[in-house]
Amino acid sequence: MDAQTIKQRVIKVQNQRDYLLNLLEQPNLGTLRIDVNQALEEMDELIDEFRRTFGQTEI
């Protein structure tokens, strides 16, 4: 897999992260809030790892 393909996939993950942030604003999320927070943490780790690996500050 080349760097451009990885970058495109990380951008897709970052867009999904924005969706999860919007989901957290829902008052009726209940216990799913824990899962959404976990997903956000894992996405943040993935994005940070990408930046460290490819030396990019922005995606």
Protein backbone atom coordinates (compact mmCIF):
# COMPACT_ATOMS: atom_id res chain seq x y z
CA MET A 1 0.00 0.00 0.00
CA ASP A 2 1.44 3.36 -0.94
CA ALA A 3 1.52 6.52 1.17
CA GLN A 4 -1.24 8.24 -0.85
CA THR A 5 -3.66 5.35 -0.30
CA ILE A 6 -2.93 5.37 3.42
CA LYS A 7 -3.46 9.12 3.54
CA GLN A 8 -6.84 8.78 1.79
CA ARG A 9 -7.93 6.14 4.26
CA VAL A 10 -6.84 8.23 7.24
CA ILE A 11 -8.82 11.17 5.82
CA LYS A 12 -11.86 8.88 5.63
CA VAL A 13 -11.35 7.87 9.28
CA GLN A 14 -10.99 11.52 10.26
CA ASN A 15 -14.31 12.32 8.57
CA GLN A 16 -15.96 9.50 10.49
CA ARG A 17 -14.45 10.96 13.66
CA ASP A 18 -16.36 14.18 12.99
CA TYR A 19 -19.56 12.13 12.75
CA LEU A 20 -18.85 10.55 16.14
CA LEU A 21 -18.26 13.97 17.68
CA ASN A 22 -21.68 15.04 16.43
CA LEU A 23 -23.17 11.84 17.81
CA LEU A 24 -21.82 12.67 21.28
CA GLU A 25 -23.98 15.79 21.28
CA GLN A 26 -27.13 13.66 21.26
CA PRO A 27 -28.77 13.71 24.69
CA ASN A 28 -30.30 10.23 24.37
CA LEU A 29 -27.06 8.33 23.69
CA GLY A 30 -27.09 6.55 27.04
CA THR A 31 -24.46 3.89 27.61
CA LEU A 32 -23.40 4.02 23.95
CA ARG A 33 -21.52 7.17 24.95
CA ILE A 34 -18.78 4.90 26.39
CA ASP A 35 -18.36 3.10 23.04
CA VAL A 36 -18.34 6.35 21.09
CA ASN A 37 -15.67 7.78 23.39
CA GLN A 38 -13.59 4.62 22.96
CA ALA A 39 -13.88 4.84 19.18
CA LEU A 40 -12.80 8.48 19.28
CA GLU A 41 -9.76 7.63 21.39
CA GLU A 42 -8.73 4.87 18.99
CA MET A 43 -9.21 7.12 15.97
CA ASP A 44 -7.09 9.82 17.61
CA GLU A 45 -4.33 7.26 18.21
CA LEU A 46 -4.49 6.17 14.57
CA ILE A 47 -4.29 9.76 13.32
CA ASP A 48 -1.39 10.53 15.68
CA GLU A 49 0.47 7.42 14.52
CA PHE A 50 -0.04 8.47 10.91
CA ARG A 51 1.37 11.92 11.64
CA ARG A 52 4.39 10.48 13.47
CA THR A 53 5.07 7.97 10.72
CA PHE A 54 4.69 10.32 7.76
CA GLY A 55 5.80 13.53 9.51
CA GLN A 56 2.65 15.42 8.63
CA THR A 57 0.98 17.91 10.92
CA GLU A 58 -2.19 18.05 8.83
CA ILE A 59 -4.00 15.46 6.82
